[in-house]
Amino acid sequence: MKIFITAAIFSIISLSIFYIYQTNLEVSERYLVQEYTKKISDFSGENKVLEISSAKSSSLDKMAQLVESSDYERIDKIHHIKVLNGYVVAN
């Protein structure tokens, strides 16, 4: 009878320790999942902001402002030179 009581107490203690370990593992994994979900949503929001800023920086209005701020001149007419024989010689 003494062996049975010792085995029962040992089983209860070992199963309790195993239960506490599994519960702790479950809680820590859920916490990590929540943290990763939060990071994913933060990265998603940051990605949207970067997409918007990228679209703004490459817009035509921005390009027009860049051209206007440079020392370029507007050209009204374009003149082409026709080559008769396919050879161009310059002295």
PDB file of N, CA and C in Angstrom:
ATOM      1  N   MET A   1       0.818  -1.191   0.000  1.00  0.00           N
ATOM      2  CA  MET A   1       0.000   0.000   0.000  1.00  0.00           C
ATOM      3  C   MET A   1       0.868   1.265   0.000  1.00  0.00           C
ATOM      4  N   LYS A   2       1.997   1.210   0.698  1.00  0.00           N
ATOM      5  CA  LYS A   2       2.884   2.360   0.776  1.00  0.00           C
ATOM      6  C   LYS A   2       3.480   2.681  -0.605  1.00  0.00           C
ATOM      7  N   ILE A   3       3.761   1.678  -1.399  1.00  0.00           N
ATOM      8  CA  ILE A   3       4.293   1.874  -2.753  1.00  0.00           C
ATOM      9  C   ILE A   3       3.235   2.529  -3.640  1.00  0.00           C
ATOM     10  N   PHE A   4       1.980   2.108  -3.505  1.00  0.00           N
ATOM     11  CA  PHE A   4       0.883   2.677  -4.296  1.00  0.00           C
ATOM     12  C   PHE A   4       0.700   4.155  -3.972  1.00  0.00           C
ATOM     13  N   ILE A   5       0.745   4.532  -2.692  1.00  0.00           N
ATOM     14  CA  ILE A   5       0.580   5.934  -2.291  1.00  0.00           C
ATOM     15  C   ILE A   5       1.763   6.762  -2.805  1.00  0.00           C
ATOM     16  N   THR A   6       2.981   6.221  -2.702  1.00  0.00           N
ATOM     17  CA  THR A   6       4.162   6.924  -3.196  1.00  0.00           C
ATOM     18  C   THR A   6       4.077   7.116  -4.705  1.00  0.00           C
ATOM     19  N   ALA A   7       3.647   6.100  -5.446  1.00  0.00           N
ATOM     20  CA  ALA A   7       3.504   6.198  -6.900  1.00  0.00           C
ATOM     21  C   ALA A   7       2.422   7.193  -7.273  1.00  0.00           C
ATOM     22  N   ALA A   8       1.315   7.212  -6.528  1.00  0.00           N
ATOM     23  CA  ALA A   8       0.225   8.146  -6.807  1.00  0.00           C
ATOM     24  C   ALA A   8       0.677   9.587  -6.571  1.00  0.00           C
ATOM     25  N   ILE A   9       1.374   9.822  -5.462  1.00  0.00           N
ATOM     26  CA  ILE A   9       1.856  11.176  -5.161  1.00  0.00           C
ATOM     27  C   ILE A   9       2.879  11.608  -6.213  1.00  0.00           C
ATOM     28  N   PHE A  10       3.787  10.690  -6.582  1.00  0.00           N
ATOM     29  CA  PHE A  10       4.773  11.004  -7.619  1.00  0.00           C
ATOM     30  C   PHE A  10       4.094  11.314  -8.943  1.00  0.00           C
ATOM     31  N   SER A  11       3.058  10.541  -9.288  1.00  0.00           N
ATOM     32  CA  SER A  11       2.321  10.779 -10.538  1.00  0.00           C
ATOM     33  C   SER A  11       1.612  12.124 -10.512  1.00  0.00           C
ATOM     34  N   ILE A  12       0.985  12.448  -9.384  1.00  0.00           N
ATOM     35  CA  ILE A  12       0.275  13.726  -9.272  1.00  0.00           C
ATOM     36  C   ILE A  12       1.252  14.891  -9.392  1.00  0.00           C
ATOM     37  N   ILE A  13       2.381  14.789  -8.722  1.00  0.00           N
ATOM     38  CA  ILE A  13       3.370  15.870  -8.776  1.00  0.00           C
ATOM     39  C   ILE A  13       3.940  16.010 -10.189  1.00  0.00           C
ATOM     40  N   SER A  14       4.314  14.884 -10.809  1.00  0.00           N
ATOM     41  CA  SER A  14       4.902  14.957 -12.147  1.00  0.00           C
ATOM     42  C   SER A  14       3.879  15.443 -13.176  1.00  0.00           C
ATOM     43  N   LEU A  15       2.637  15.004 -13.077  1.00  0.00           N
ATOM     44  CA  LEU A  15       1.606  15.480 -14.000  1.00  0.00           C
ATOM     45  C   LEU A  15       1.292  16.959 -13.776  1.00  0.00           C
ATOM     46  N   SER A  16       1.337  17.409 -12.534  1.00  0.00           N
ATOM     47  CA  SER A  16       1.114  18.832 -12.241  1.00  0.00           C
ATOM     48  C   SER A  16       2.229  19.679 -12.842  1.00  0.00           C
ATOM     49  N   ILE A  17       3.468  19.216 -12.699  1.00  0.00           N
ATOM     50  CA  ILE A  17       4.599  19.937 -13.286  1.00  0.00           C
ATOM     51  C   ILE A  17       4.473  19.961 -14.804  1.00  0.00           C
ATOM     52  N   PHE A  18       4.095  18.843 -15.415  1.00  0.00           N
ATOM     53  CA  PHE A  18       3.909  18.780 -16.865  1.00  0.00           C
ATOM     54  C   PHE A  18       2.791  19.710 -17.316  1.00  0.00           C
ATOM     55  N   TYR A  19       1.690  19.777 -16.548  1.00  0.00           N
ATOM     56  CA  TYR A  19       0.575  20.658 -16.869  1.00  0.00           C
ATOM     57  C   TYR A  19       1.018  22.122 -16.808  1.00  0.00           C
ATOM     58  N   ILE A  20       1.761  22.490 -15.772  1.00  0.00           N
ATOM     59  CA  ILE A  20       2.246  23.867 -15.631  1.00  0.00           C
ATOM     60  C   ILE A  20       3.173  24.212 -16.795  1.00  0.00           C
ATOM     61  N   TYR A  21       4.036  23.274 -17.172  1.00  0.00           N
ATOM     62  CA  TYR A  21       4.956  23.500 -18.289  1.00  0.00           C
ATOM     63  C   TYR A  21       4.189  23.716 -19.593  1.00  0.00           C
ATOM     64  N   GLN A  22       3.187  22.864 -19.856  1.00  0.00           N
ATOM     65  CA  GLN A  22       2.410  23.011 -21.095  1.00  0.00           C
ATOM     66  C   GLN A  22       1.607  24.304 -21.115  1.00  0.00           C
ATOM     67  N   THR A  23       1.041  24.669 -19.976  1.00  0.00           N
ATOM     68  CA  THR A  23       0.278  25.908 -19.889  1.00  0.00           C
ATOM     69  C   THR A  23       1.184  27.108 -20.143  1.00  0.00           C
ATOM     70  N   ASN A  24       2.366  27.087 -19.542  1.00  0.00           N
ATOM     71  CA  ASN A  24       3.328  28.167 -19.751  1.00  0.00           C
ATOM     72  C   ASN A  24       3.742  28.249 -21.222  1.00  0.00           C
ATOM     73  N   LEU A  25       3.980  27.114 -21.840  1.00  0.00           N
ATOM     74  CA  LEU A  25       4.355  27.072 -23.249  1.00  0.00           C
ATOM     75  C   LEU A  25       3.231  27.617 -24.126  1.00  0.00           C
ATOM     76  N   GLU A  26       1.998  27.246 -23.840  1.00  0.00           N
ATOM     77  CA  GLU A  26       0.832  27.721 -24.597  1.00  0.00           C
ATOM     78  C   GLU A  26       0.678  29.239 -24.487  1.00  0.00           C
ATOM     79  N   VAL A  27       0.807  29.759 -23.284  1.00  0.00           N
ATOM     80  CA  VAL A  27       0.654  31.196 -23.065  1.00  0.00           C
ATOM     81  C   VAL A  27       1.762  31.966 -23.787  1.00  0.00           C
ATOM     82  N   SER A  28       2.995  31.475 -23.714  1.00  0.00           N
ATOM     83  CA  SER A  28       4.093  32.188 -24.381  1.00  0.00           C
ATOM     84  C   SER A  28       3.932  32.148 -25.895  1.00  0.00           C
ATOM     85  N   GLU A  29       3.441  31.052 -26.449  1.00  0.00           N
ATOM     86  CA  GLU A  29       3.220  30.981 -27.898  1.00  0.00           C
ATOM     87  C   GLU A  29       2.108  31.919 -28.332  1.00  0.00           C
ATOM     88  N   ARG A  30       1.047  32.008 -27.558  1.00  0.00           N
ATOM     89  CA  ARG A  30      -0.032  32.943 -27.894  1.00  0.00           C
ATOM     90  C   ARG A  30       0.458  34.381 -27.832  1.00  0.00           C
ATOM     91  N   TYR A  31       1.291  34.688 -26.843  1.00  0.00           N
ATOM     92  CA  TYR A  31       1.849  36.025 -26.735  1.00  0.00           C
ATOM     93  C   TYR A  31       2.703  36.339 -27.958  1.00  0.00           C
ATOM     94  N   LEU A  32       3.519  35.391 -28.384  1.00  0.00           N
ATOM     95  CA  LEU A  32       4.355  35.605 -29.565  1.00  0.00           C
ATOM     96  C   LEU A  32       3.500  35.811 -30.815  1.00  0.00           C
ATOM     97  N   VAL A  33       2.429  35.052 -30.948  1.00  0.00           N
ATOM     98  CA  VAL A  33       1.542  35.208 -32.104  1.00  0.00           C
ATOM     99  C   VAL A  33       0.927  36.602 -32.104  1.00  0.00           C
ATOM    100  N   GLN A  34       0.513  37.085 -30.938  1.00  0.00           N
ATOM    101  CA  GLN A  34      -0.049  38.431 -30.858  1.00  0.00           C
ATOM    102  C   GLN A  34       0.995  39.486 -31.219  1.00  0.00           C
ATOM    103  N   GLU A  35       2.210  39.318 -30.724  1.00  0.00           N
ATOM    104  CA  GLU A  35       3.276  40.261 -31.043  1.00  0.00           C
ATOM    105  C   GLU A  35       3.577  40.264 -32.537  1.00  0.00           C
ATOM    106  N   TYR A  36       3.640  39.084 -33.142  1.00  0.00           N
ATOM    107  CA  TYR A  36       3.917  39.005 -34.578  1.00  0.00           C
ATOM    108  C   TYR A  36       2.778  39.589 -35.397  1.00  0.00           C
ATOM    109  N   THR A  37       1.560  39.378 -34.955  1.00  0.00           N
ATOM    110  CA  THR A  37       0.408  39.965 -35.646  1.00  0.00           C
ATOM    111  C   THR A  37       0.470  41.484 -35.578  1.00  0.00           C
ATOM    112  N   LYS A  38       0.847  42.009 -34.423  1.00  0.00           N
ATOM    113  CA  LYS A  38       0.975  43.456 -34.266  1.00  0.00           C
ATOM    114  C   LYS A  38       2.087  43.994 -35.166  1.00  0.00           C
ATOM    115  N   LYS A  39       3.220  43.297 -35.230  1.00  0.00           N
ATOM    116  CA  LYS A  39       4.317  43.736 -36.093  1.00  0.00           C
ATOM    117  C   LYS A  39       3.913  43.691 -37.559  1.00  0.00           C
ATOM    118  N   ILE A  40       3.165  42.665 -37.944  1.00  0.00           N
ATOM    119  CA  ILE A  40       2.709  42.558 -39.336  1.00  0.00           C
ATOM    120  C   ILE A  40       1.797  43.729 -39.680  1.00  0.00           C
ATOM    121  N   SER A  41       0.891  44.075 -38.780  1.00  0.00           N
ATOM    122  CA  SER A  41      -0.005  45.205 -39.062  1.00  0.00           C
ATOM    123  C   SER A  41       0.777  46.517 -39.097  1.00  0.00           C
ATOM    124  N   ASP A  42       1.788  46.653 -38.235  1.00  0.00           N
ATOM    125  CA  ASP A  42       2.627  47.863 -38.273  1.00  0.00           C
ATOM    126  C   ASP A  42       3.385  47.953 -39.590  1.00  0.00           C
ATOM    127  N   PHE A  43       3.960  46.830 -40.028  1.00  0.00           N
ATOM    128  CA  PHE A  43       4.692  46.817 -41.296  1.00  0.00           C
ATOM    129  C   PHE A  43       3.756  47.080 -42.465  1.00  0.00           C
ATOM    130  N   SER A  44       2.534  46.581 -42.361  1.00  0.00           N
ATOM    131  CA  SER A  44       1.544  46.810 -43.418  1.00  0.00           C
ATOM    132  C   SER A  44       1.234  48.301 -43.538  1.00  0.00           C
ATOM    133  N   GLY A  45       1.020  48.950 -42.405  1.00  0.00           N
ATOM    134  CA  GLY A  45       0.756  50.388 -42.423  1.00  0.00           C
ATOM    135  C   GLY A  45       1.945  51.171 -42.939  1.00  0.00           C
ATOM    136  N   GLU A  46       3.141  50.779 -42.530  1.00  0.00           N
ATOM    137  CA  GLU A  46       4.350  51.453 -43.005  1.00  0.00           C
ATOM    138  C   GLU A  46       4.534  51.237 -44.505  1.00  0.00           C
ATOM    139  N   ASN A  47       4.183  50.051 -44.977  1.00  0.00           N
ATOM    140  CA  ASN A  47       4.284  49.755 -46.406  1.00  0.00           C
ATOM    141  C   ASN A  47       3.333  50.638 -47.203  1.00  0.00           C
ATOM    142  N   LYS A  48       2.122  50.842 -46.697  1.00  0.00           N
ATOM    143  CA  LYS A  48       1.171  51.707 -47.389  1.00  0.00           C
ATOM    144  C   LYS A  48       1.689  53.142 -47.453  1.00  0.00           C
ATOM    145  N   VAL A  49       2.288  53.607 -46.347  1.00  0.00           N
ATOM    146  CA  VAL A  49       2.840  54.960 -46.328  1.00  0.00           C
ATOM    147  C   VAL A  49       3.975  55.067 -47.339  1.00  0.00           C
ATOM    148  N   LEU A  50       4.824  54.064 -47.407  1.00  0.00           N
ATOM    149  CA  LEU A  50       5.933  54.081 -48.365  1.00  0.00           C
ATOM    150  C   LEU A  50       5.432  54.020 -49.801  1.00  0.00           C
ATOM    151  N   GLU A  51       4.379  53.254 -50.051  1.00  0.00           N
ATOM    152  CA  GLU A  51       3.813  53.198 -51.398  1.00  0.00           C
ATOM    153  C   GLU A  51       3.277  54.564 -51.810  1.00  0.00           C
ATOM    154  N   ILE A  52       2.603  55.228 -50.890  1.00  0.00           N
ATOM    155  CA  ILE A  52       2.043  56.550 -51.185  1.00  0.00           C
ATOM    156  C   ILE A  52       3.164  57.551 -51.438  1.00  0.00           C
ATOM    157  N   SER A  53       4.195  57.520 -50.601  1.00  0.00           N
ATOM    158  CA  SER A  53       5.298  58.472 -50.806  1.00  0.00           C
ATOM    159  C   SER A  53       6.057  58.166 -52.086  1.00  0.00           C
ATOM    160  N   SER A  54       6.154  56.900 -52.444  1.00  0.00           N
ATOM    161  CA  SER A  54       6.804  56.525 -53.704  1.00  0.00           C
ATOM    162  C   SER A  54       5.987  57.027 -54.886  1.00  0.00           C
ATOM    163  N   ALA A  55       4.689  56.884 -54.796  1.00  0.00           N
ATOM    164  CA  ALA A  55       3.826  57.365 -55.880  1.00  0.00           C
ATOM    165  C   ALA A  55       3.911  58.883 -55.995  1.00  0.00           C
ATOM    166  N   LYS A  56       3.979  59.566 -54.864  1.00  0.00           N
ATOM    167  CA  LYS A  56       4.074  61.027 -54.898  1.00  0.00           C
ATOM    168  C   LYS A  56       5.402  61.479 -55.486  1.00  0.00           C
ATOM    169  N   SER A  57       6.469  60.772 -55.147  1.00  0.00           N
ATOM    170  CA  SER A  57       7.783  61.218 -55.609  1.00  0.00           C
ATOM    171  C   SER A  57       7.981  60.967 -57.098  1.00  0.00           C
ATOM    172  N   SER A  58       7.254  60.026 -57.655  1.00  0.00           N
ATOM    173  CA  SER A  58       7.425  59.754 -59.083  1.00  0.00           C
ATOM    174  C   SER A  58       6.273  60.297 -59.919  1.00  0.00           C
ATOM    175  N   SER A  59       5.489  61.168 -59.370  1.00  0.00           N
ATOM    176  CA  SER A  59       4.367  61.711 -60.123  1.00  0.00           C
ATOM    177  C   SER A  59       4.862  62.719 -61.162  1.00  0.00           C
ATOM    178  N   LEU A  60       4.029  62.998 -62.135  1.00  0.00           N
ATOM    179  CA  LEU A  60       4.391  63.929 -63.205  1.00  0.00           C
ATOM    180  C   LEU A  60       4.527  65.358 -62.691  1.00  0.00           C
ATOM    181  N   ASP A  61       3.740  65.721 -61.693  1.00  0.00           N
ATOM    182  CA  ASP A  61       3.854  67.063 -61.135  1.00  0.00           C
ATOM    183  C   ASP A  61       5.239  67.270 -60.532  1.00  0.00           C
ATOM    184  N   LYS A  62       5.706  66.257 -59.852  1.00  0.00           N
ATOM    185  CA  LYS A  62       7.039  66.344 -59.256  1.00  0.00           C
ATOM    186  C   LYS A  62       8.110  66.455 -60.340  1.00  0.00           C
ATOM    187  N   MET A  63       7.916  65.696 -61.431  1.00  0.00           N
ATOM    188  CA  MET A  63       8.860  65.763 -62.540  1.00  0.00           C
ATOM    189  C   MET A  63       8.817  67.143 -63.195  1.00  0.00           C
ATOM    190  N   ALA A  64       7.639  67.721 -63.340  1.00  0.00           N
ATOM    191  CA  ALA A  64       7.516  69.051 -63.936  1.00  0.00           C
ATOM    192  C   ALA A  64       8.213  70.090 -63.067  1.00  0.00           C
ATOM    193  N   GLN A  65       8.067  69.980 -61.764  1.00  0.00           N
ATOM    194  CA  GLN A  65       8.760  70.899 -60.861  1.00  0.00           C
ATOM    195  C   GLN A  65      10.266  70.723 -60.955  1.00  0.00           C
ATOM    196  N   LEU A  66      10.715  69.492 -61.086  1.00  0.00           N
ATOM    197  CA  LEU A  66      12.146  69.229 -61.215  1.00  0.00           C
ATOM    198  C   LEU A  66      12.700  69.825 -62.501  1.00  0.00           C
ATOM    199  N   VAL A  67      11.955  69.701 -63.595  1.00  0.00           N
ATOM    200  CA  VAL A  67      12.394  70.270 -64.870  1.00  0.00           C
ATOM    201  C   VAL A  67      12.396  71.789 -64.801  1.00  0.00           C
ATOM    202  N   GLU A  68      11.385  72.374 -64.181  1.00  0.00           N
ATOM    203  CA  GLU A  68      11.325  73.827 -64.074  1.00  0.00           C
ATOM    204  C   GLU A  68      12.451  74.381 -63.208  1.00  0.00           C
ATOM    205  N   SER A  69      12.826  73.649 -62.192  1.00  0.00           N
ATOM    206  CA  SER A  69      13.894  74.129 -61.317  1.00  0.00           C
ATOM    207  C   SER A  69      15.264  73.985 -61.963  1.00  0.00           C
ATOM    208  N   SER A  70      15.374  73.160 -62.976  1.00  0.00           N
ATOM    209  CA  SER A  70      16.652  73.014 -63.681  1.00  0.00           C
ATOM    210  C   SER A  70      16.790  74.136 -64.702  1.00  0.00           C
ATOM    211  N   ASP A  71      17.928  74.207 -65.355  1.00  0.00           N
ATOM    212  CA  ASP A  71      18.183  75.265 -66.334  1.00  0.00           C
ATOM    213  C   ASP A  71      17.859  74.823 -67.752  1.00  0.00           C
ATOM    214  N   TYR A  72      16.841  74.055 -67.924  1.00  0.00           N
ATOM    215  CA  TYR A  72      16.443  73.609 -69.254  1.00  0.00           C
ATOM    216  C   TYR A  72      15.594  74.680 -69.923  1.00  0.00           C
ATOM    217  N   GLU A  73      15.641  74.701 -71.252  1.00  0.00           N
ATOM    218  CA  GLU A  73      14.823  75.636 -72.017  1.00  0.00           C
ATOM    219  C   GLU A  73      13.762  74.851 -72.767  1.00  0.00           C
ATOM    220  N   ARG A  74      12.621  75.473 -72.928  1.00  0.00           N
ATOM    221  CA  ARG A  74      11.533  74.838 -73.655  1.00  0.00           C
ATOM    222  C   ARG A  74      11.798  74.977 -75.155  1.00  0.00           C
ATOM    223  N   ILE A  75      11.611  73.922 -75.903  1.00  0.00           N
ATOM    224  CA  ILE A  75      11.866  73.913 -77.337  1.00  0.00           C
ATOM    225  C   ILE A  75      10.527  73.926 -78.069  1.00  0.00           C
ATOM    226  N   ASP A  76      10.425  74.849 -79.032  1.00  0.00           N
ATOM    227  CA  ASP A  76       9.190  74.960 -79.787  1.00  0.00           C
ATOM    228  C   ASP A  76       9.227  74.157 -81.076  1.00  0.00           C
ATOM    229  N   LYS A  77      10.358  74.188 -81.761  1.00  0.00           N
ATOM    230  CA  LYS A  77      10.463  73.493 -83.044  1.00  0.00           C
ATOM    231  C   LYS A  77      11.677  72.568 -83.020  1.00  0.00           C
ATOM    232  N   ILE A  78      11.543  71.473 -83.713  1.00  0.00           N
ATOM    233  CA  ILE A  78      12.641  70.527 -83.850  1.00  0.00           C
ATOM    234  C   ILE A  78      13.010  70.458 -85.319  1.00  0.00           C
ATOM    235  N   HIS A  79      14.276  70.612 -85.630  1.00  0.00           N
ATOM    236  CA  HIS A  79      14.759  70.555 -87.011  1.00  0.00           C
ATOM    237  C   HIS A  79      15.558  69.276 -87.187  1.00  0.00           C
ATOM    238  N   HIS A  80      15.263  68.568 -88.264  1.00  0.00           N
ATOM    239  CA  HIS A  80      15.968  67.332 -88.578  1.00  0.00           C
ATOM    240  C   HIS A  80      16.898  67.560 -89.761  1.00  0.00           C
ATOM    241  N   ILE A  81      18.002  66.877 -89.764  1.00  0.00           N
ATOM    242  CA  ILE A  81      18.940  66.945 -90.881  1.00  0.00           C
ATOM    243  C   ILE A  81      18.785  65.664 -91.681  1.00  0.00           C
ATOM    244  N   LYS A  82      18.525  65.801 -92.963  1.00  0.00           N
ATOM    245  CA  LYS A  82      18.386  64.628 -93.824  1.00  0.00           C
ATOM    246  C   LYS A  82      19.741  64.252 -94.388  1.00  0.00           C
ATOM    247  N   VAL A  83      20.080  63.000 -94.315  1.00  0.00           N
ATOM    248  CA  VAL A  83      21.331  62.497 -94.865  1.00  0.00           C
ATOM    249  C   VAL A  83      20.987  61.812 -96.181  1.00  0.00           C
ATOM    250  N   LEU A  84      21.660  62.243 -97.278  1.00  0.00           N
ATOM    251  CA  LEU A  84      21.304  61.735 -98.601  1.00  0.00           C
ATOM    252  C   LEU A  84      21.849  60.339 -98.883  1.00  0.00           C
ATOM    253  N   ASN A  85      23.143  60.126 -98.680  1.00  0.00           N
ATOM    254  CA  ASN A  85      23.744  58.865 -99.062  1.00  0.00           C
ATOM    255  C   ASN A  85      23.963  57.911 -97.895  1.00  0.00           C
ATOM    256  N   GLY A  86      23.585  58.282 -96.748  1.00  0.00           N
ATOM    257  CA  GLY A  86      23.804  57.437 -95.607  1.00  0.00           C
ATOM    258  C   GLY A  86      25.137  57.666 -94.935  1.00  0.00           C
ATOM    259  N   TYR A  87      25.960  58.616 -95.496  1.00  0.00           N
ATOM    260  CA  TYR A  87      27.262  58.930 -94.913  1.00  0.00           C
ATOM    261  C   TYR A  87      27.240  60.370 -94.420  1.00  0.00           C
ATOM    262  N   VAL A  88      27.834  60.549 -93.296  1.00  0.00           N
ATOM    263  CA  VAL A  88      27.980  61.908 -92.756  1.00  0.00           C
ATOM    264  C   VAL A  88      29.469  62.118 -92.539  1.00  0.00           C
ATOM    265  N   VAL A  89      29.972  63.185 -93.125  1.00  0.00           N
ATOM    266  CA  VAL A  89      31.403  63.494 -92.978  1.00  0.00           C
ATOM    267  C   VAL A  89      31.513  64.860 -92.358  1.00  0.00           C
ATOM    268  N   ALA A  90      32.332  64.965 -91.310  1.00  0.00           N
ATOM    269  CA  ALA A  90      32.551  66.256 -90.685  1.00  0.00           C
ATOM    270  C   ALA A  90      34.024  66.571 -90.726  1.00  0.00           C
ATOM    271  N   ASN A  91      34.347  67.824 -91.027  1.00  0.00           N
ATOM    272  CA  ASN A  91      35.760  68.261 -91.086  1.00  0.00           C
ATOM    273  C   ASN A  91      36.092  69.016 -89.841  1.00  0.00           C
TER     274      ASN A  91
END
